[in-house]
Amino acid sequence: MREIFIDAERCTACKTCETSCAVEHSASQDLFTAIFESPRPQKRIHVEKANGLSYPVRCMHCQDAACIIACPTGAMHREADFGAVQVNEEKCMGCFMCAMVCPFGAISAHSEKKIAVKCDFCTSRLEAGERPACVEGCPTSALIYGEEQELARQKRLSAAAAAAMAISRAREERTEVSSIELIRIMGGN
């Protein structure tokens, strides 16, 4: 199953993902028109800064989603095609039990309707063969949409390339490199 992954080292806190998300969930789906809509479109991703890094926080569509379990009306449910956790607006009574149990703080209140708002995984875009709006809008590719196994493989290849480069540099400088020295050369502490 395809998922959205985050490479926090690439995030520059430009918040383009937030804007793309809000526009995608607007009535007009046009940036310049969405600004004047009432109610104003709400983002479902929030870029937060912590310890010198920026991190796009969004619903992780957890396998064992606490928000689904906590929802007394069944408004929170899992959509079958893409596995996304969704909110049925007609069933939501605005108790926000879902927000209280979400470990990521990814659920907020709609500004006017007083119902839960969260990432819906842009399932309409996925059905059309497109990527989620936040991923599409990210100029640094900090948000990546893909298969878990393929993304893990790419990370391993990147780590292997970094190690190979560090070993090559170490060989040029001296003949023997300890494991600790190799980690330091690769950027570790």
C-alpha atoms as a PDB file:
ATOM      1  CA  MET A   1       0.000   0.000   0.000  1.00  0.00           C
ATOM      2  CA  ARG A   2       1.261   3.470  -0.847  1.00  0.00           C
ATOM      3  CA  GLU A   3       1.830   5.976   1.940  1.00  0.00           C
ATOM      4  CA  ILE A   4       3.125   9.495   2.499  1.00  0.00           C
ATOM      5  CA  PHE A   5       6.595   9.603   4.040  1.00  0.00           C
ATOM      6  CA  ILE A   6       8.397  12.622   5.444  1.00  0.00           C
ATOM      7  CA  ASP A   7      12.067  13.473   4.978  1.00  0.00           C
ATOM      8  CA  ALA A   8      12.429  16.132   7.706  1.00  0.00           C
ATOM      9  CA  GLU A   9      15.940  17.031   6.578  1.00  0.00           C
ATOM     10  CA  ARG A  10      14.496  18.357   3.310  1.00  0.00           C
ATOM     11  CA  CYS A  11      11.700  20.422   4.881  1.00  0.00           C
ATOM     12  CA  THR A  12      12.414  24.174   4.748  1.00  0.00           C
ATOM     13  CA  ALA A  13       9.157  25.226   6.483  1.00  0.00           C
ATOM     14  CA  CYS A  14       7.957  26.959   3.311  1.00  0.00           C
ATOM     15  CA  LYS A  15       4.442  25.716   4.168  1.00  0.00           C
ATOM     16  CA  THR A  16       3.587  25.107   0.511  1.00  0.00           C
ATOM     17  CA  CYS A  17       2.122  21.763   1.625  1.00  0.00           C
ATOM     18  CA  GLU A  18      -0.279  23.624   3.938  1.00  0.00           C
ATOM     19  CA  THR A  19      -1.379  25.976   1.146  1.00  0.00           C
ATOM     20  CA  SER A  20      -1.744  23.135  -1.369  1.00  0.00           C
ATOM     21  CA  CYS A  21      -3.857  21.188   1.125  1.00  0.00           C
ATOM     22  CA  ALA A  22      -6.147  24.134   1.901  1.00  0.00           C
ATOM     23  CA  VAL A  23      -6.648  24.903  -1.792  1.00  0.00           C
ATOM     24  CA  GLU A  24      -7.394  21.238  -2.549  1.00  0.00           C
ATOM     25  CA  HIS A  25     -10.103  21.273   0.133  1.00  0.00           C
ATOM     26  CA  SER A  26     -11.598  24.595  -0.969  1.00  0.00           C
ATOM     27  CA  ALA A  27     -14.809  24.897  -2.956  1.00  0.00           C
ATOM     28  CA  SER A  28     -13.071  26.447  -5.975  1.00  0.00           C
ATOM     29  CA  GLN A  29      -9.772  24.518  -5.792  1.00  0.00           C
ATOM     30  CA  ASP A  30      -8.120  27.709  -7.041  1.00  0.00           C
ATOM     31  CA  LEU A  31      -5.610  29.590  -4.891  1.00  0.00           C
ATOM     32  CA  PHE A  32      -6.764  33.114  -5.732  1.00  0.00           C
ATOM     33  CA  THR A  33     -10.456  32.298  -5.356  1.00  0.00           C
ATOM     34  CA  ALA A  34     -10.026  30.143  -2.236  1.00  0.00           C
ATOM     35  CA  ILE A  35      -8.627  33.116  -0.296  1.00  0.00           C
ATOM     36  CA  PHE A  36     -12.038  34.804  -0.437  1.00  0.00           C
ATOM     37  CA  GLU A  37     -14.224  31.752   0.226  1.00  0.00           C
ATOM     38  CA  SER A  38     -16.461  31.522   3.240  1.00  0.00           C
ATOM     39  CA  PRO A  39     -15.898  29.410   5.185  1.00  0.00           C
ATOM     40  CA  ARG A  40     -12.184  29.710   4.517  1.00  0.00           C
ATOM     41  CA  PRO A  41     -10.591  26.438   3.439  1.00  0.00           C
ATOM     42  CA  GLN A  42      -8.652  24.670   6.182  1.00  0.00           C
ATOM     43  CA  LYS A  43      -5.327  22.944   5.896  1.00  0.00           C
ATOM     44  CA  ARG A  44      -5.062  19.398   7.153  1.00  0.00           C
ATOM     45  CA  ILE A  45      -1.280  19.383   7.512  1.00  0.00           C
ATOM     46  CA  HIS A  46       0.669  21.589   9.919  1.00  0.00           C
ATOM     47  CA  VAL A  47       4.376  22.404   9.596  1.00  0.00           C
ATOM     48  CA  GLU A  48       5.872  22.650  13.074  1.00  0.00           C
ATOM     49  CA  LYS A  49       9.412  23.524  14.156  1.00  0.00           C
ATOM     50  CA  ALA A  50      11.256  21.626  16.867  1.00  0.00           C
ATOM     51  CA  ASN A  51      14.949  21.291  17.735  1.00  0.00           C
ATOM     52  CA  GLY A  52      16.074  23.141  14.632  1.00  0.00           C
ATOM     53  CA  LEU A  53      14.046  21.055  12.192  1.00  0.00           C
ATOM     54  CA  SER A  54      10.723  21.649  10.511  1.00  0.00           C
ATOM     55  CA  TYR A  55       8.301  18.761  10.365  1.00  0.00           C
ATOM     56  CA  PRO A  56       5.011  18.484   8.455  1.00  0.00           C
ATOM     57  CA  VAL A  57       2.560  16.921  10.927  1.00  0.00           C
ATOM     58  CA  ARG A  58      -0.433  15.155   9.407  1.00  0.00           C
ATOM     59  CA  CYS A  59      -2.693  12.217  10.051  1.00  0.00           C
ATOM     60  CA  MET A  60      -0.709   9.010   9.732  1.00  0.00           C
ATOM     61  CA  HIS A  61      -3.838   6.926   8.997  1.00  0.00           C
ATOM     62  CA  CYS A  62      -2.737   4.551  11.742  1.00  0.00           C
ATOM     63  CA  GLN A  63      -3.385   0.844  11.316  1.00  0.00           C
ATOM     64  CA  ASP A  64      -4.914   0.669  14.787  1.00  0.00           C
ATOM     65  CA  ALA A  65      -6.350   4.204  14.750  1.00  0.00           C
ATOM     66  CA  ALA A  66      -7.268   5.456  18.226  1.00  0.00           C
ATOM     67  CA  CYS A  67      -9.547   8.109  16.686  1.00  0.00           C
ATOM     68  CA  ILE A  68     -11.760   5.412  15.132  1.00  0.00           C
ATOM     69  CA  ILE A  69     -11.977   3.559  18.433  1.00  0.00           C
ATOM     70  CA  ALA A  70     -12.754   6.735  20.422  1.00  0.00           C
ATOM     71  CA  CYS A  71     -15.428   8.091  18.062  1.00  0.00           C
ATOM     72  CA  PRO A  72     -18.837   7.507  19.705  1.00  0.00           C
ATOM     73  CA  THR A  73     -20.857   8.027  16.499  1.00  0.00           C
ATOM     74  CA  GLY A  74     -18.758   6.090  14.003  1.00  0.00           C
ATOM     75  CA  ALA A  75     -17.952   9.285  12.094  1.00  0.00           C
ATOM     76  CA  MET A  76     -14.289   8.280  12.076  1.00  0.00           C
ATOM     77  CA  HIS A  77     -13.903   5.287   9.818  1.00  0.00           C
ATOM     78  CA  ARG A  78     -11.416   3.612   7.487  1.00  0.00           C
ATOM     79  CA  GLU A  79     -11.981   3.990   3.774  1.00  0.00           C
ATOM     80  CA  ALA A  80     -11.475   0.640   2.030  1.00  0.00           C
ATOM     81  CA  ASP A  81      -9.734   1.511  -1.264  1.00  0.00           C
ATOM     82  CA  PHE A  82      -6.711   3.406   0.076  1.00  0.00           C
ATOM     83  CA  GLY A  83      -6.886   2.599   3.798  1.00  0.00           C
ATOM     84  CA  ALA A  84      -7.387   6.246   4.727  1.00  0.00           C
ATOM     85  CA  VAL A  85      -9.010   7.237   8.015  1.00  0.00           C
ATOM     86  CA  GLN A  86     -11.914   9.533   7.085  1.00  0.00           C
ATOM     87  CA  VAL A  87     -14.469  11.738   8.823  1.00  0.00           C
ATOM     88  CA  ASN A  88     -18.148  11.366   7.920  1.00  0.00           C
ATOM     89  CA  GLU A  89     -19.268  14.983   8.398  1.00  0.00           C
ATOM     90  CA  GLU A  90     -22.928  14.025   8.797  1.00  0.00           C
ATOM     91  CA  LYS A  91     -22.162  11.682  11.685  1.00  0.00           C
ATOM     92  CA  CYS A  92     -19.614  13.907  13.463  1.00  0.00           C
ATOM     93  CA  MET A  93     -21.146  15.586  16.514  1.00  0.00           C
ATOM     94  CA  GLY A  94     -18.074  17.682  17.341  1.00  0.00           C
ATOM     95  CA  CYS A  95     -17.156  15.987  20.630  1.00  0.00           C
ATOM     96  CA  PHE A  96     -13.494  15.857  19.526  1.00  0.00           C
ATOM     97  CA  MET A  97     -12.752  12.623  21.352  1.00  0.00           C
ATOM     98  CA  CYS A  98     -10.780  11.782  18.200  1.00  0.00           C
ATOM     99  CA  ALA A  99      -8.576  14.860  18.655  1.00  0.00           C
ATOM    100  CA  MET A 100      -7.960  14.028  22.302  1.00  0.00           C
ATOM    101  CA  VAL A 101      -6.623  10.539  21.521  1.00  0.00           C
ATOM    102  CA  CYS A 102      -4.673  11.351  18.337  1.00  0.00           C
ATOM    103  CA  PRO A 103      -0.975  10.940  19.195  1.00  0.00           C
ATOM    104  CA  PHE A 104       0.026  13.376  16.426  1.00  0.00           C
ATOM    105  CA  GLY A 105      -2.369  16.254  17.100  1.00  0.00           C
ATOM    106  CA  ALA A 106      -3.493  15.904  13.505  1.00  0.00           C
ATOM    107  CA  ILE A 107      -7.212  16.494  14.082  1.00  0.00           C
ATOM    108  CA  SER A 108      -8.584  20.010  14.406  1.00  0.00           C
ATOM    109  CA  ALA A 109     -11.989  21.681  14.504  1.00  0.00           C
ATOM    110  CA  HIS A 110     -13.661  23.122  11.425  1.00  0.00           C
ATOM    111  CA  SER A 111     -13.810  26.882  11.922  1.00  0.00           C
ATOM    112  CA  GLU A 112     -17.557  27.161  11.310  1.00  0.00           C
ATOM    113  CA  LYS A 113     -19.100  23.685  11.235  1.00  0.00           C
ATOM    114  CA  LYS A 114     -17.542  22.659  14.587  1.00  0.00           C
ATOM    115  CA  ILE A 115     -16.746  19.169  13.340  1.00  0.00           C
ATOM    116  CA  ALA A 116     -13.467  17.255  13.126  1.00  0.00           C
ATOM    117  CA  VAL A 117     -11.143  18.077  10.228  1.00  0.00           C
ATOM    118  CA  LYS A 118      -8.140  15.921   9.290  1.00  0.00           C
ATOM    119  CA  CYS A 119      -6.113  14.676   6.371  1.00  0.00           C
ATOM    120  CA  ASP A 120      -8.305  12.613   4.072  1.00  0.00           C
ATOM    121  CA  PHE A 121      -5.301  11.351   2.057  1.00  0.00           C
ATOM    122  CA  CYS A 122      -6.737  13.218  -0.964  1.00  0.00           C
ATOM    123  CA  THR A 123      -8.543  10.046  -2.023  1.00  0.00           C
ATOM    124  CA  SER A 124     -10.273  11.843  -4.912  1.00  0.00           C
ATOM    125  CA  ARG A 125      -6.827  12.722  -6.294  1.00  0.00           C
ATOM    126  CA  LEU A 126      -5.610   9.143  -5.766  1.00  0.00           C
ATOM    127  CA  GLU A 127      -8.651   7.818  -7.644  1.00  0.00           C
ATOM    128  CA  ALA A 128      -7.667  10.105 -10.542  1.00  0.00           C
ATOM    129  CA  GLY A 129      -4.113   8.697 -10.489  1.00  0.00           C
ATOM    130  CA  GLU A 130      -2.601  11.819  -8.906  1.00  0.00           C
ATOM    131  CA  ARG A 131      -0.515  12.249  -5.775  1.00  0.00           C
ATOM    132  CA  PRO A 132      -1.905  13.886  -2.605  1.00  0.00           C
ATOM    133  CA  ALA A 133      -1.946  17.705  -2.831  1.00  0.00           C
ATOM    134  CA  CYS A 134       0.653  18.196  -0.071  1.00  0.00           C
ATOM    135  CA  VAL A 135       3.094  15.873  -1.842  1.00  0.00           C
ATOM    136  CA  GLU A 136       2.423  17.482  -5.217  1.00  0.00           C
ATOM    137  CA  GLY A 137       2.991  20.958  -3.788  1.00  0.00           C
ATOM    138  CA  CYS A 138       6.205  20.248  -1.842  1.00  0.00           C
ATOM    139  CA  PRO A 139       9.064  21.954  -3.746  1.00  0.00           C
ATOM    140  CA  THR A 140      11.856  20.119  -1.867  1.00  0.00           C
ATOM    141  CA  SER A 141      10.383  16.595  -1.993  1.00  0.00           C
ATOM    142  CA  ALA A 142      10.255  16.459   1.802  1.00  0.00           C
ATOM    143  CA  LEU A 143       6.900  14.704   1.367  1.00  0.00           C
ATOM    144  CA  ILE A 144       7.171  11.486  -0.609  1.00  0.00           C
ATOM    145  CA  TYR A 145       4.311   9.300  -1.817  1.00  0.00           C
ATOM    146  CA  GLY A 146       5.197   5.682  -2.488  1.00  0.00           C
ATOM    147  CA  GLU A 147       5.428   2.068  -1.424  1.00  0.00           C
ATOM    148  CA  GLU A 148       7.038   1.505   1.969  1.00  0.00           C
ATOM    149  CA  GLN A 149       9.390  -1.205   0.675  1.00  0.00           C
ATOM    150  CA  GLU A 150      10.624   0.909  -2.252  1.00  0.00           C
ATOM    151  CA  LEU A 151      11.210   3.977  -0.081  1.00  0.00           C
ATOM    152  CA  ALA A 152      13.085   1.862   2.492  1.00  0.00           C
ATOM    153  CA  ARG A 153      15.206   0.418  -0.335  1.00  0.00           C
ATOM    154  CA  GLN A 154      16.042   3.922  -1.572  1.00  0.00           C
ATOM    155  CA  LYS A 155      17.097   4.938   1.966  1.00  0.00           C
ATOM    156  CA  ARG A 156      19.345   1.874   2.198  1.00  0.00           C
ATOM    157  CA  LEU A 157      20.945   2.692  -1.158  1.00  0.00           C
ATOM    158  CA  SER A 158      21.515   6.278  -0.019  1.00  0.00           C
ATOM    159  CA  ALA A 159      23.077   5.091   3.251  1.00  0.00           C
ATOM    160  CA  ALA A 160      25.286   2.625   1.351  1.00  0.00           C
ATOM    161  CA  ALA A 161      26.443   5.377  -1.028  1.00  0.00           C
ATOM    162  CA  ALA A 162      27.273   7.661   1.926  1.00  0.00           C
ATOM    163  CA  ALA A 163      29.231   4.862   3.624  1.00  0.00           C
ATOM    164  CA  ALA A 164      31.109   4.039   0.420  1.00  0.00           C
ATOM    165  CA  MET A 165      32.032   7.695  -0.057  1.00  0.00           C
ATOM    166  CA  ALA A 166      33.189   7.983   3.573  1.00  0.00           C
ATOM    167  CA  ILE A 167      35.321   4.852   3.225  1.00  0.00           C
ATOM    168  CA  SER A 168      36.868   6.199   0.017  1.00  0.00           C
ATOM    169  CA  ARG A 169      37.722   9.505   1.714  1.00  0.00           C
ATOM    170  CA  ALA A 170      39.143   7.686   4.715  1.00  0.00           C
ATOM    171  CA  ARG A 171      41.315   5.509   2.499  1.00  0.00           C
ATOM    172  CA  GLU A 172      42.711   8.596   0.810  1.00  0.00           C
ATOM    173  CA  GLU A 173      43.606  10.098   4.189  1.00  0.00           C
ATOM    174  CA  ARG A 174      44.902   6.972   5.956  1.00  0.00           C
ATOM    175  CA  THR A 175      45.006   3.248   5.525  1.00  0.00           C
ATOM    176  CA  GLU A 176      42.922   2.042   8.455  1.00  0.00           C
ATOM    177  CA  VAL A 177      39.487   3.244   9.643  1.00  0.00           C
ATOM    178  CA  SER A 178      37.692   2.054  12.765  1.00  0.00           C
ATOM    179  CA  SER A 179      33.903   1.701  12.899  1.00  0.00           C
ATOM    180  CA  ILE A 180      33.661   4.765  15.150  1.00  0.00           C
ATOM    181  CA  GLU A 181      35.757   6.837  12.734  1.00  0.00           C
ATOM    182  CA  LEU A 182      33.551   5.717   9.832  1.00  0.00           C
ATOM    183  CA  ILE A 183      30.415   6.861  11.672  1.00  0.00           C
ATOM    184  CA  ARG A 184      32.045  10.237  12.372  1.00  0.00           C
ATOM    185  CA  ILE A 185      33.055  10.659   8.723  1.00  0.00           C
ATOM    186  CA  MET A 186      29.471   9.900   7.661  1.00  0.00           C
ATOM    187  CA  GLY A 187      28.222  12.695   9.912  1.00  0.00           C
ATOM    188  CA  GLY A 188      27.391  10.791  13.099  1.00  0.00           C
ATOM    189  CA  ASN A 189      28.415  11.839  16.578  1.00  0.00           C
END
